[in-house]
ModelCIF file with pLDDT and N, C-alpha, C, O atoms, coordinates in Angstrom:
data_MODEL
#
_entry.id   MODEL 
#
_entity.id                         1 
_entity.type                       polymer 
_entity.pdbx_number_of_molecules   1 
#
_entity_poly.entity_id                      1 
_entity_poly.type                           'polypeptide(L)' 
_entity_poly.nstd_linkage                   no 
_entity_poly.nstd_monomer                   no 
_entity_poly.pdbx_seq_one_letter_code       QGTLLTSRILGGITVKAGYDVKLSEVHGMAQRGGSVVTYVRYGEKVAE 
_entity_poly.pdbx_seq_one_letter_code_can   QGTLLTSRILGGITVKAGYDVKLSEVHGMAQRGGSVVTYVRYGEKVAE 
_entity_poly.pdbx_strand_id                 A 
#
loop_
_entity_poly_seq.entity_id 
_entity_poly_seq.num 
_entity_poly_seq.mon_id 
_entity_poly_seq.hetero 
1 1  GLN n 
1 2  GLY n 
1 3  THR n 
1 4  LEU n 
1 5  LEU n 
1 6  THR n 
1 7  SER n 
1 8  ARG n 
1 9  ILE n 
1 10 LEU n 
1 11 GLY n 
1 12 GLY n 
1 13 ILE n 
1 14 THR n 
1 15 VAL n 
1 16 LYS n 
1 17 ALA n 
1 18 GLY n 
1 19 TYR n 
1 20 ASP n 
1 21 VAL n 
1 22 LYS n 
1 23 LEU n 
1 24 SER n 
1 25 GLU n 
1 26 VAL n 
1 27 HIS n 
1 28 GLY n 
1 29 MET n 
1 30 ALA n 
1 31 GLN n 
1 32 ARG n 
1 33 GLY n 
1 34 GLY n 
1 35 SER n 
1 36 VAL n 
1 37 VAL n 
1 38 THR n 
1 39 TYR n 
1 40 VAL n 
1 41 ARG n 
1 42 TYR n 
1 43 GLY n 
1 44 GLU n 
1 45 LYS n 
1 46 VAL n 
1 47 ALA n 
1 48 GLU n 
#
_struct_asym.id          A 
_struct_asym.entity_id   1 
#
loop_
_ma_qa_metric.id 
_ma_qa_metric.mode 
_ma_qa_metric.name 
_ma_qa_metric.software_group_id 
_ma_qa_metric.type 
1 global pLDDT . pLDDT 
2 local  pLDDT . pLDDT 
#
_ma_qa_metric_global.metric_id      1 
_ma_qa_metric_global.metric_value   86.56 
_ma_qa_metric_global.model_id       1 
_ma_qa_metric_global.ordinal_id     1 
#
loop_
_ma_qa_metric_local.label_asym_id 
_ma_qa_metric_local.label_comp_id 
_ma_qa_metric_local.label_seq_id 
_ma_qa_metric_local.metric_id 
_ma_qa_metric_local.metric_value 
_ma_qa_metric_local.model_id 
_ma_qa_metric_local.ordinal_id 
A GLN 1  2 87.00 1 1  
A GLY 2  2 87.00 1 2  
A THR 3  2 87.00 1 3  
A LEU 4  2 85.00 1 4  
A LEU 5  2 90.00 1 5  
A THR 6  2 93.00 1 6  
A SER 7  2 91.00 1 7  
A ARG 8  2 92.00 1 8  
A ILE 9  2 96.00 1 9  
A LEU 10 2 94.00 1 10 
A GLY 11 2 93.00 1 11 
A GLY 12 2 95.00 1 12 
A ILE 13 2 96.00 1 13 
A THR 14 2 94.00 1 14 
A VAL 15 2 94.00 1 15 
A LYS 16 2 95.00 1 16 
A ALA 17 2 94.00 1 17 
A GLY 18 2 94.00 1 18 
A TYR 19 2 95.00 1 19 
A ASP 20 2 94.00 1 20 
A VAL 21 2 94.00 1 21 
A LYS 22 2 94.00 1 22 
A LEU 23 2 91.00 1 23 
A SER 24 2 90.00 1 24 
A GLU 25 2 83.00 1 25 
A VAL 26 2 79.00 1 26 
A HIS 27 2 70.00 1 27 
A GLY 28 2 64.00 1 28 
A MET 29 2 57.00 1 29 
A ALA 30 2 51.00 1 30 
A GLN 31 2 57.00 1 31 
A ARG 32 2 57.00 1 32 
A GLY 33 2 65.00 1 33 
A GLY 34 2 79.00 1 34 
A SER 35 2 85.00 1 35 
A VAL 36 2 88.00 1 36 
A VAL 37 2 91.00 1 37 
A THR 38 2 92.00 1 38 
A TYR 39 2 93.00 1 39 
A VAL 40 2 94.00 1 40 
A ARG 41 2 95.00 1 41 
A TYR 42 2 94.00 1 42 
A GLY 43 2 93.00 1 43 
A GLU 44 2 92.00 1 44 
A LYS 45 2 93.00 1 45 
A VAL 46 2 93.00 1 46 
A ALA 47 2 88.00 1 47 
A GLU 48 2 87.00 1 48 
#
loop_
_atom_site.group_PDB 
_atom_site.id 
_atom_site.type_symbol 
_atom_site.label_atom_id 
_atom_site.label_alt_id 
_atom_site.label_comp_id 
_atom_site.label_asym_id 
_atom_site.label_entity_id 
_atom_site.label_seq_id 
_atom_site.pdbx_PDB_ins_code 
_atom_site.Cartn_x 
_atom_site.Cartn_y 
_atom_site.Cartn_z 
_atom_site.occupancy 
_atom_site.B_iso_or_equiv 
_atom_site.pdbx_formal_charge 
_atom_site.auth_seq_id 
_atom_site.auth_comp_id 
_atom_site.auth_asym_id 
_atom_site.auth_atom_id 
_atom_site.pdbx_PDB_model_num 
ATOM 1   N N  . GLN A 1 1  ? 99.442  127.630 141.017 1.00 87.00 ? 1  GLN A N  1 
ATOM 2   C CA . GLN A 1 1  ? 99.943  127.412 142.235 1.00 87.00 ? 1  GLN A CA 1 
ATOM 3   C C  . GLN A 1 1  ? 99.553  128.473 143.006 1.00 87.00 ? 1  GLN A C  1 
ATOM 4   O O  . GLN A 1 1  ? 100.351 129.397 143.167 1.00 87.00 ? 1  GLN A O  1 
ATOM 5   N N  . GLY A 1 2  ? 98.219  128.517 143.628 1.00 87.00 ? 2  GLY A N  1 
ATOM 6   C CA . GLY A 1 2  ? 97.818  129.025 144.350 1.00 87.00 ? 2  GLY A CA 1 
ATOM 7   C C  . GLY A 1 2  ? 97.833  130.465 144.910 1.00 87.00 ? 2  GLY A C  1 
ATOM 8   O O  . GLY A 1 2  ? 97.511  130.807 146.048 1.00 87.00 ? 2  GLY A O  1 
ATOM 9   N N  . THR A 1 3  ? 98.265  131.241 143.898 1.00 87.00 ? 3  THR A N  1 
ATOM 10  C CA . THR A 1 3  ? 98.317  132.849 144.389 1.00 87.00 ? 3  THR A CA 1 
ATOM 11  C C  . THR A 1 3  ? 97.021  133.576 144.606 1.00 87.00 ? 3  THR A C  1 
ATOM 12  O O  . THR A 1 3  ? 96.873  134.676 145.138 1.00 87.00 ? 3  THR A O  1 
ATOM 13  N N  . LEU A 1 4  ? 96.124  132.793 144.116 1.00 85.00 ? 4  LEU A N  1 
ATOM 14  C CA . LEU A 1 4  ? 94.945  133.287 144.183 1.00 85.00 ? 4  LEU A CA 1 
ATOM 15  C C  . LEU A 1 4  ? 94.119  133.567 145.991 1.00 85.00 ? 4  LEU A C  1 
ATOM 16  O O  . LEU A 1 4  ? 93.494  134.484 146.525 1.00 85.00 ? 4  LEU A O  1 
ATOM 17  N N  . LEU A 1 5  ? 94.822  131.516 146.595 1.00 90.00 ? 5  LEU A N  1 
ATOM 18  C CA . LEU A 1 5  ? 94.617  131.829 147.472 1.00 90.00 ? 5  LEU A CA 1 
ATOM 19  C C  . LEU A 1 5  ? 95.402  132.701 148.463 1.00 90.00 ? 5  LEU A C  1 
ATOM 20  O O  . LEU A 1 5  ? 94.509  133.134 149.190 1.00 90.00 ? 5  LEU A O  1 
ATOM 21  N N  . THR A 1 6  ? 95.967  132.945 148.678 1.00 93.00 ? 6  THR A N  1 
ATOM 22  C CA . THR A 1 6  ? 97.037  133.745 149.415 1.00 93.00 ? 6  THR A CA 1 
ATOM 23  C C  . THR A 1 6  ? 96.913  135.059 149.159 1.00 93.00 ? 6  THR A C  1 
ATOM 24  O O  . THR A 1 6  ? 97.191  135.816 150.088 1.00 93.00 ? 6  THR A O  1 
ATOM 25  N N  . SER A 1 7  ? 96.526  135.578 148.016 1.00 91.00 ? 7  SER A N  1 
ATOM 26  C CA . SER A 1 7  ? 96.325  136.522 148.276 1.00 91.00 ? 7  SER A CA 1 
ATOM 27  C C  . SER A 1 7  ? 94.705  136.686 148.677 1.00 91.00 ? 7  SER A C  1 
ATOM 28  O O  . SER A 1 7  ? 94.290  137.678 148.078 1.00 91.00 ? 7  SER A O  1 
ATOM 29  N N  . ARG A 1 8  ? 94.101  136.336 149.131 1.00 92.00 ? 8  ARG A N  1 
ATOM 30  C CA . ARG A 1 8  ? 92.834  135.958 149.745 1.00 92.00 ? 8  ARG A CA 1 
ATOM 31  C C  . ARG A 1 8  ? 92.858  136.656 151.034 1.00 92.00 ? 8  ARG A C  1 
ATOM 32  O O  . ARG A 1 8  ? 92.489  137.790 151.342 1.00 92.00 ? 8  ARG A O  1 
ATOM 33  N N  . ILE A 1 9  ? 93.597  135.314 151.990 1.00 96.00 ? 9  ILE A N  1 
ATOM 34  C CA . ILE A 1 9  ? 94.621  134.978 153.128 1.00 96.00 ? 9  ILE A CA 1 
ATOM 35  C C  . ILE A 1 9  ? 94.699  136.414 153.321 1.00 96.00 ? 9  ILE A C  1 
ATOM 36  O O  . ILE A 1 9  ? 93.808  136.976 153.959 1.00 96.00 ? 9  ILE A O  1 
ATOM 37  N N  . LEU A 1 10 ? 95.804  137.153 152.769 1.00 94.00 ? 10 LEU A N  1 
ATOM 38  C CA . LEU A 1 10 ? 96.512  138.394 152.659 1.00 94.00 ? 10 LEU A CA 1 
ATOM 39  C C  . LEU A 1 10 ? 95.136  139.989 152.760 1.00 94.00 ? 10 LEU A C  1 
ATOM 40  O O  . LEU A 1 10 ? 94.788  140.944 153.455 1.00 94.00 ? 10 LEU A O  1 
ATOM 41  N N  . GLY A 1 11 ? 94.947  139.491 151.901 1.00 93.00 ? 11 GLY A N  1 
ATOM 42  C CA . GLY A 1 11 ? 93.496  140.996 151.441 1.00 93.00 ? 11 GLY A CA 1 
ATOM 43  C C  . GLY A 1 11 ? 92.477  141.117 152.823 1.00 93.00 ? 11 GLY A C  1 
ATOM 44  O O  . GLY A 1 11 ? 91.855  142.072 153.290 1.00 93.00 ? 11 GLY A O  1 
ATOM 45  N N  . GLY A 1 12 ? 92.677  138.981 153.451 1.00 95.00 ? 12 GLY A N  1 
ATOM 46  C CA . GLY A 1 12 ? 91.771  138.885 154.608 1.00 95.00 ? 12 GLY A CA 1 
ATOM 47  C C  . GLY A 1 12 ? 92.184  139.431 155.852 1.00 95.00 ? 12 GLY A C  1 
ATOM 48  O O  . GLY A 1 12 ? 91.331  139.935 156.583 1.00 95.00 ? 12 GLY A O  1 
ATOM 49  N N  . ILE A 1 13 ? 93.089  139.406 156.109 1.00 96.00 ? 13 ILE A N  1 
ATOM 50  C CA . ILE A 1 13 ? 94.266  140.009 157.247 1.00 96.00 ? 13 ILE A CA 1 
ATOM 51  C C  . ILE A 1 13 ? 94.107  141.344 157.217 1.00 96.00 ? 13 ILE A C  1 
ATOM 52  O O  . ILE A 1 13 ? 93.983  141.815 158.348 1.00 96.00 ? 13 ILE A O  1 
ATOM 53  N N  . THR A 1 14 ? 94.082  141.810 156.697 1.00 94.00 ? 14 THR A N  1 
ATOM 54  C CA . THR A 1 14 ? 94.851  143.876 156.606 1.00 94.00 ? 14 THR A CA 1 
ATOM 55  C C  . THR A 1 14 ? 93.245  144.073 156.371 1.00 94.00 ? 14 THR A C  1 
ATOM 56  O O  . THR A 1 14 ? 93.089  145.112 157.012 1.00 94.00 ? 14 THR A O  1 
ATOM 57  N N  . VAL A 1 15 ? 92.553  143.895 156.099 1.00 94.00 ? 15 VAL A N  1 
ATOM 58  C CA . VAL A 1 15 ? 91.112  143.835 156.330 1.00 94.00 ? 15 VAL A CA 1 
ATOM 59  C C  . VAL A 1 15 ? 90.759  143.874 157.856 1.00 94.00 ? 15 VAL A C  1 
ATOM 60  O O  . VAL A 1 15 ? 90.260  144.900 158.319 1.00 94.00 ? 15 VAL A O  1 
ATOM 61  N N  . LYS A 1 16 ? 90.947  143.043 158.463 1.00 95.00 ? 16 LYS A N  1 
ATOM 62  C CA . LYS A 1 16 ? 90.844  142.031 159.521 1.00 95.00 ? 16 LYS A CA 1 
ATOM 63  C C  . LYS A 1 16 ? 91.349  143.057 161.083 1.00 95.00 ? 16 LYS A C  1 
ATOM 64  O O  . LYS A 1 16 ? 90.985  143.035 162.259 1.00 95.00 ? 16 LYS A O  1 
ATOM 65  N N  . ALA A 1 17 ? 92.545  144.039 160.138 1.00 94.00 ? 17 ALA A N  1 
ATOM 66  C CA . ALA A 1 17 ? 93.403  144.650 160.988 1.00 94.00 ? 17 ALA A CA 1 
ATOM 67  C C  . ALA A 1 17 ? 93.270  146.338 160.798 1.00 94.00 ? 17 ALA A C  1 
ATOM 68  O O  . ALA A 1 17 ? 93.837  147.248 161.402 1.00 94.00 ? 17 ALA A O  1 
ATOM 69  N N  . GLY A 1 18 ? 92.185  146.357 159.598 1.00 94.00 ? 18 GLY A N  1 
ATOM 70  C CA . GLY A 1 18 ? 91.430  147.296 159.890 1.00 94.00 ? 18 GLY A CA 1 
ATOM 71  C C  . GLY A 1 18 ? 92.280  148.853 158.732 1.00 94.00 ? 18 GLY A C  1 
ATOM 72  O O  . GLY A 1 18 ? 92.595  150.037 158.852 1.00 94.00 ? 18 GLY A O  1 
ATOM 73  N N  . TYR A 1 19 ? 92.290  147.812 157.767 1.00 95.00 ? 19 TYR A N  1 
ATOM 74  C CA . TYR A 1 19 ? 93.898  148.463 156.530 1.00 95.00 ? 19 TYR A CA 1 
ATOM 75  C C  . TYR A 1 19 ? 92.454  149.028 155.837 1.00 95.00 ? 19 TYR A C  1 
ATOM 76  O O  . TYR A 1 19 ? 91.263  148.787 156.031 1.00 95.00 ? 19 TYR A O  1 
ATOM 77  N N  . ASP A 1 20 ? 93.367  150.090 154.741 1.00 94.00 ? 20 ASP A N  1 
ATOM 78  C CA . ASP A 1 20 ? 92.706  149.871 153.365 1.00 94.00 ? 20 ASP A CA 1 
ATOM 79  C C  . ASP A 1 20 ? 92.839  149.122 152.959 1.00 94.00 ? 20 ASP A C  1 
ATOM 80  O O  . ASP A 1 20 ? 93.324  148.607 153.966 1.00 94.00 ? 20 ASP A O  1 
ATOM 81  N N  . VAL A 1 21 ? 92.916  147.908 151.848 1.00 94.00 ? 21 VAL A N  1 
ATOM 82  C CA . VAL A 1 21 ? 92.983  147.592 150.783 1.00 94.00 ? 21 VAL A CA 1 
ATOM 83  C C  . VAL A 1 21 ? 93.032  147.380 149.798 1.00 94.00 ? 21 VAL A C  1 
ATOM 84  O O  . VAL A 1 21 ? 91.961  147.248 149.205 1.00 94.00 ? 21 VAL A O  1 
ATOM 85  N N  . LYS A 1 22 ? 94.220  147.234 149.101 1.00 94.00 ? 22 LYS A N  1 
ATOM 86  C CA . LYS A 1 22 ? 93.489  147.214 147.234 1.00 94.00 ? 22 LYS A CA 1 
ATOM 87  C C  . LYS A 1 22 ? 94.189  145.460 146.696 1.00 94.00 ? 22 LYS A C  1 
ATOM 88  O O  . LYS A 1 22 ? 95.323  145.159 147.070 1.00 94.00 ? 22 LYS A O  1 
ATOM 89  N N  . LEU A 1 23 ? 93.803  144.998 146.293 1.00 91.00 ? 23 LEU A N  1 
ATOM 90  C CA . LEU A 1 23 ? 94.078  143.286 145.424 1.00 91.00 ? 23 LEU A CA 1 
ATOM 91  C C  . LEU A 1 23 ? 94.037  144.573 143.987 1.00 91.00 ? 23 LEU A C  1 
ATOM 92  O O  . LEU A 1 23 ? 93.672  145.721 143.731 1.00 91.00 ? 23 LEU A O  1 
ATOM 93  N N  . SER A 1 24 ? 94.834  143.125 143.260 1.00 90.00 ? 24 SER A N  1 
ATOM 94  C CA . SER A 1 24 ? 94.448  143.012 141.550 1.00 90.00 ? 24 SER A CA 1 
ATOM 95  C C  . SER A 1 24 ? 95.501  142.157 141.360 1.00 90.00 ? 24 SER A C  1 
ATOM 96  O O  . SER A 1 24 ? 96.649  142.086 141.800 1.00 90.00 ? 24 SER A O  1 
ATOM 97  N N  . GLU A 1 25 ? 94.735  141.440 140.491 1.00 83.00 ? 25 GLU A N  1 
ATOM 98  C CA . GLU A 1 25 ? 95.813  140.343 140.339 1.00 83.00 ? 25 GLU A CA 1 
ATOM 99  C C  . GLU A 1 25 ? 95.749  140.980 138.368 1.00 83.00 ? 25 GLU A C  1 
ATOM 100 O O  . GLU A 1 25 ? 94.941  141.692 137.772 1.00 83.00 ? 25 GLU A O  1 
ATOM 101 N N  . VAL A 1 26 ? 96.959  140.309 137.952 1.00 79.00 ? 26 VAL A N  1 
ATOM 102 C CA . VAL A 1 26 ? 97.418  140.591 136.527 1.00 79.00 ? 26 VAL A CA 1 
ATOM 103 C C  . VAL A 1 26 ? 98.334  138.599 136.113 1.00 79.00 ? 26 VAL A C  1 
ATOM 104 O O  . VAL A 1 26 ? 99.348  137.991 136.454 1.00 79.00 ? 26 VAL A O  1 
ATOM 105 N N  . HIS A 1 27 ? 97.050  138.354 135.174 1.00 70.00 ? 27 HIS A N  1 
ATOM 106 C CA . HIS A 1 27 ? 97.911  137.145 134.390 1.00 70.00 ? 27 HIS A CA 1 
ATOM 107 C C  . HIS A 1 27 ? 97.931  137.470 133.199 1.00 70.00 ? 27 HIS A C  1 
ATOM 108 O O  . HIS A 1 27 ? 97.094  138.055 132.512 1.00 70.00 ? 27 HIS A O  1 
ATOM 109 N N  . GLY A 1 28 ? 99.599  136.796 132.812 1.00 64.00 ? 28 GLY A N  1 
ATOM 110 C CA . GLY A 1 28 ? 100.643 136.745 131.884 1.00 64.00 ? 28 GLY A CA 1 
ATOM 111 C C  . GLY A 1 28 ? 99.017  135.794 130.885 1.00 64.00 ? 28 GLY A C  1 
ATOM 112 O O  . GLY A 1 28 ? 98.105  136.099 130.117 1.00 64.00 ? 28 GLY A O  1 
ATOM 113 N N  . MET A 1 29 ? 99.599  134.500 131.646 1.00 57.00 ? 29 MET A N  1 
ATOM 114 C CA . MET A 1 29 ? 97.853  133.323 131.222 1.00 57.00 ? 29 MET A CA 1 
ATOM 115 C C  . MET A 1 29 ? 97.642  132.630 131.858 1.00 57.00 ? 29 MET A C  1 
ATOM 116 O O  . MET A 1 29 ? 98.471  131.949 132.461 1.00 57.00 ? 29 MET A O  1 
ATOM 117 N N  . ALA A 1 30 ? 96.006  132.532 131.983 1.00 51.00 ? 30 ALA A N  1 
ATOM 118 C CA . ALA A 1 30 ? 95.520  132.301 133.330 1.00 51.00 ? 30 ALA A CA 1 
ATOM 119 C C  . ALA A 1 30 ? 96.291  130.519 133.836 1.00 51.00 ? 30 ALA A C  1 
ATOM 120 O O  . ALA A 1 30 ? 96.741  130.056 134.884 1.00 51.00 ? 30 ALA A O  1 
ATOM 121 N N  . GLN A 1 31 ? 96.097  130.000 132.443 1.00 57.00 ? 31 GLN A N  1 
ATOM 122 C CA . GLN A 1 31 ? 96.319  128.778 131.927 1.00 57.00 ? 31 GLN A CA 1 
ATOM 123 C C  . GLN A 1 31 ? 97.409  127.869 132.749 1.00 57.00 ? 31 GLN A C  1 
ATOM 124 O O  . GLN A 1 31 ? 98.507  128.374 132.519 1.00 57.00 ? 31 GLN A O  1 
ATOM 125 N N  . ARG A 1 32 ? 97.518  127.020 133.395 1.00 57.00 ? 32 ARG A N  1 
ATOM 126 C CA . ARG A 1 32 ? 98.731  126.388 134.482 1.00 57.00 ? 32 ARG A CA 1 
ATOM 127 C C  . ARG A 1 32 ? 99.829  126.408 133.309 1.00 57.00 ? 32 ARG A C  1 
ATOM 128 O O  . ARG A 1 32 ? 99.725  125.944 132.173 1.00 57.00 ? 32 ARG A O  1 
ATOM 129 N N  . GLY A 1 33 ? 100.807 127.011 133.848 1.00 65.00 ? 33 GLY A N  1 
ATOM 130 C CA . GLY A 1 33 ? 102.262 127.588 133.414 1.00 65.00 ? 33 GLY A CA 1 
ATOM 131 C C  . GLY A 1 33 ? 102.849 129.001 133.034 1.00 65.00 ? 33 GLY A C  1 
ATOM 132 O O  . GLY A 1 33 ? 104.031 129.345 132.996 1.00 65.00 ? 33 GLY A O  1 
ATOM 133 N N  . GLY A 1 34 ? 101.532 129.840 132.719 1.00 79.00 ? 34 GLY A N  1 
ATOM 134 C CA . GLY A 1 34 ? 101.922 130.708 132.993 1.00 79.00 ? 34 GLY A CA 1 
ATOM 135 C C  . GLY A 1 34 ? 102.119 132.377 134.305 1.00 79.00 ? 34 GLY A C  1 
ATOM 136 O O  . GLY A 1 34 ? 101.776 132.584 135.469 1.00 79.00 ? 34 GLY A O  1 
ATOM 137 N N  . SER A 1 35 ? 102.587 132.905 133.610 1.00 85.00 ? 35 SER A N  1 
ATOM 138 C CA . SER A 1 35 ? 103.059 134.109 134.747 1.00 85.00 ? 35 SER A CA 1 
ATOM 139 C C  . SER A 1 35 ? 101.443 134.167 135.627 1.00 85.00 ? 35 SER A C  1 
ATOM 140 O O  . SER A 1 35 ? 100.355 133.867 135.134 1.00 85.00 ? 35 SER A O  1 
ATOM 141 N N  . VAL A 1 36 ? 101.650 134.540 136.734 1.00 88.00 ? 36 VAL A N  1 
ATOM 142 C CA . VAL A 1 36 ? 100.528 135.452 137.481 1.00 88.00 ? 36 VAL A CA 1 
ATOM 143 C C  . VAL A 1 36 ? 100.379 136.141 138.046 1.00 88.00 ? 36 VAL A C  1 
ATOM 144 O O  . VAL A 1 36 ? 99.153  136.075 138.130 1.00 88.00 ? 36 VAL A O  1 
ATOM 145 N N  . VAL A 1 37 ? 100.848 137.451 139.036 1.00 91.00 ? 37 VAL A N  1 
ATOM 146 C CA . VAL A 1 37 ? 101.112 138.032 140.093 1.00 91.00 ? 37 VAL A CA 1 
ATOM 147 C C  . VAL A 1 37 ? 99.436  139.114 139.767 1.00 91.00 ? 37 VAL A C  1 
ATOM 148 O O  . VAL A 1 37 ? 98.610  139.549 138.965 1.00 91.00 ? 37 VAL A O  1 
ATOM 149 N N  . THR A 1 38 ? 100.108 138.961 141.712 1.00 92.00 ? 38 THR A N  1 
ATOM 150 C CA . THR A 1 38 ? 98.751  139.465 141.700 1.00 92.00 ? 38 THR A CA 1 
ATOM 151 C C  . THR A 1 38 ? 99.500  140.857 142.901 1.00 92.00 ? 38 THR A C  1 
ATOM 152 O O  . THR A 1 38 ? 100.632 140.461 143.178 1.00 92.00 ? 38 THR A O  1 
ATOM 153 N N  . TYR A 1 39 ? 99.282  141.970 143.484 1.00 93.00 ? 39 TYR A N  1 
ATOM 154 C CA . TYR A 1 39 ? 99.496  143.355 144.201 1.00 93.00 ? 39 TYR A CA 1 
ATOM 155 C C  . TYR A 1 39 ? 98.969  143.102 145.538 1.00 93.00 ? 39 TYR A C  1 
ATOM 156 O O  . TYR A 1 39 ? 98.135  142.209 145.384 1.00 93.00 ? 39 TYR A O  1 
ATOM 157 N N  . VAL A 1 40 ? 99.016  143.379 146.591 1.00 94.00 ? 40 VAL A N  1 
ATOM 158 C CA . VAL A 1 40 ? 97.913  144.148 147.336 1.00 94.00 ? 40 VAL A CA 1 
ATOM 159 C C  . VAL A 1 40 ? 98.723  144.631 148.366 1.00 94.00 ? 40 VAL A C  1 
ATOM 160 O O  . VAL A 1 40 ? 99.480  144.071 149.159 1.00 94.00 ? 40 VAL A O  1 
ATOM 161 N N  . ARG A 1 41 ? 98.306  146.127 148.130 1.00 95.00 ? 41 ARG A N  1 
ATOM 162 C CA . ARG A 1 41 ? 98.564  147.849 149.135 1.00 95.00 ? 41 ARG A CA 1 
ATOM 163 C C  . ARG A 1 41 ? 97.751  147.129 150.025 1.00 95.00 ? 41 ARG A C  1 
ATOM 164 O O  . ARG A 1 41 ? 96.926  146.225 149.892 1.00 95.00 ? 41 ARG A O  1 
ATOM 165 N N  . TYR A 1 42 ? 98.465  148.143 151.514 1.00 94.00 ? 42 TYR A N  1 
ATOM 166 C CA . TYR A 1 42 ? 97.783  148.053 152.057 1.00 94.00 ? 42 TYR A CA 1 
ATOM 167 C C  . TYR A 1 42 ? 98.250  149.064 153.668 1.00 94.00 ? 42 TYR A C  1 
ATOM 168 O O  . TYR A 1 42 ? 99.112  148.761 154.493 1.00 94.00 ? 42 TYR A O  1 
ATOM 169 N N  . GLY A 1 43 ? 97.510  150.041 153.670 1.00 93.00 ? 43 GLY A N  1 
ATOM 170 C CA . GLY A 1 43 ? 97.795  151.245 154.418 1.00 93.00 ? 43 GLY A CA 1 
ATOM 171 C C  . GLY A 1 43 ? 96.144  152.027 154.908 1.00 93.00 ? 43 GLY A C  1 
ATOM 172 O O  . GLY A 1 43 ? 94.999  151.586 154.813 1.00 93.00 ? 43 GLY A O  1 
ATOM 173 N N  . GLU A 1 44 ? 96.599  153.139 155.362 1.00 92.00 ? 44 GLU A N  1 
ATOM 174 C CA . GLU A 1 44 ? 95.610  153.792 155.714 1.00 92.00 ? 44 GLU A CA 1 
ATOM 175 C C  . GLU A 1 44 ? 94.181  154.290 154.797 1.00 92.00 ? 44 GLU A C  1 
ATOM 176 O O  . GLU A 1 44 ? 92.978  154.250 155.052 1.00 92.00 ? 44 GLU A O  1 
ATOM 177 N N  . LYS A 1 45 ? 95.030  154.797 153.545 1.00 93.00 ? 45 LYS A N  1 
ATOM 178 C CA . LYS A 1 45 ? 94.303  155.420 152.607 1.00 93.00 ? 45 LYS A CA 1 
ATOM 179 C C  . LYS A 1 45 ? 95.422  154.554 151.417 1.00 93.00 ? 45 LYS A C  1 
ATOM 180 O O  . LYS A 1 45 ? 96.641  154.698 151.323 1.00 93.00 ? 45 LYS A O  1 
ATOM 181 N N  . VAL A 1 46 ? 94.603  153.733 150.682 1.00 93.00 ? 46 VAL A N  1 
ATOM 182 C CA . VAL A 1 46 ? 95.292  152.969 149.465 1.00 93.00 ? 46 VAL A CA 1 
ATOM 183 C C  . VAL A 1 46 ? 94.742  153.449 147.625 1.00 93.00 ? 46 VAL A C  1 
ATOM 184 O O  . VAL A 1 46 ? 93.969  152.821 146.901 1.00 93.00 ? 46 VAL A O  1 
ATOM 185 N N  . ALA A 1 47 ? 95.310  154.444 147.394 1.00 88.00 ? 47 ALA A N  1 
ATOM 186 C CA . ALA A 1 47 ? 94.736  154.679 145.684 1.00 88.00 ? 47 ALA A CA 1 
ATOM 187 C C  . ALA A 1 47 ? 94.975  154.189 144.837 1.00 88.00 ? 47 ALA A C  1 
ATOM 188 O O  . ALA A 1 47 ? 94.166  154.427 143.941 1.00 88.00 ? 47 ALA A O  1 
ATOM 189 N N  . GLU A 1 48 ? 95.852  153.447 144.530 1.00 87.00 ? 48 GLU A N  1 
ATOM 190 C CA . GLU A 1 48 ? 96.188  152.244 143.312 1.00 87.00 ? 48 GLU A CA 1 
ATOM 191 C C  . GLU A 1 48 ? 96.239  151.408 144.141 1.00 87.00 ? 48 GLU A C  1 
ATOM 192 O O  . GLU A 1 48 ? 96.471  150.240 143.827 1.00 87.00 ? 48 GLU A O  1 
#
């Protein structure tokens, strides 16, 4: 469904805005039909 592209755009904008950003992808099943979760965390300093 394009979660990957969406997270790349989000990651790109947070970096451009000067934030520390952490992206993490969790695949239930990578094939079509499986759940895909992406976390995007941004701020001054992101640990996790």
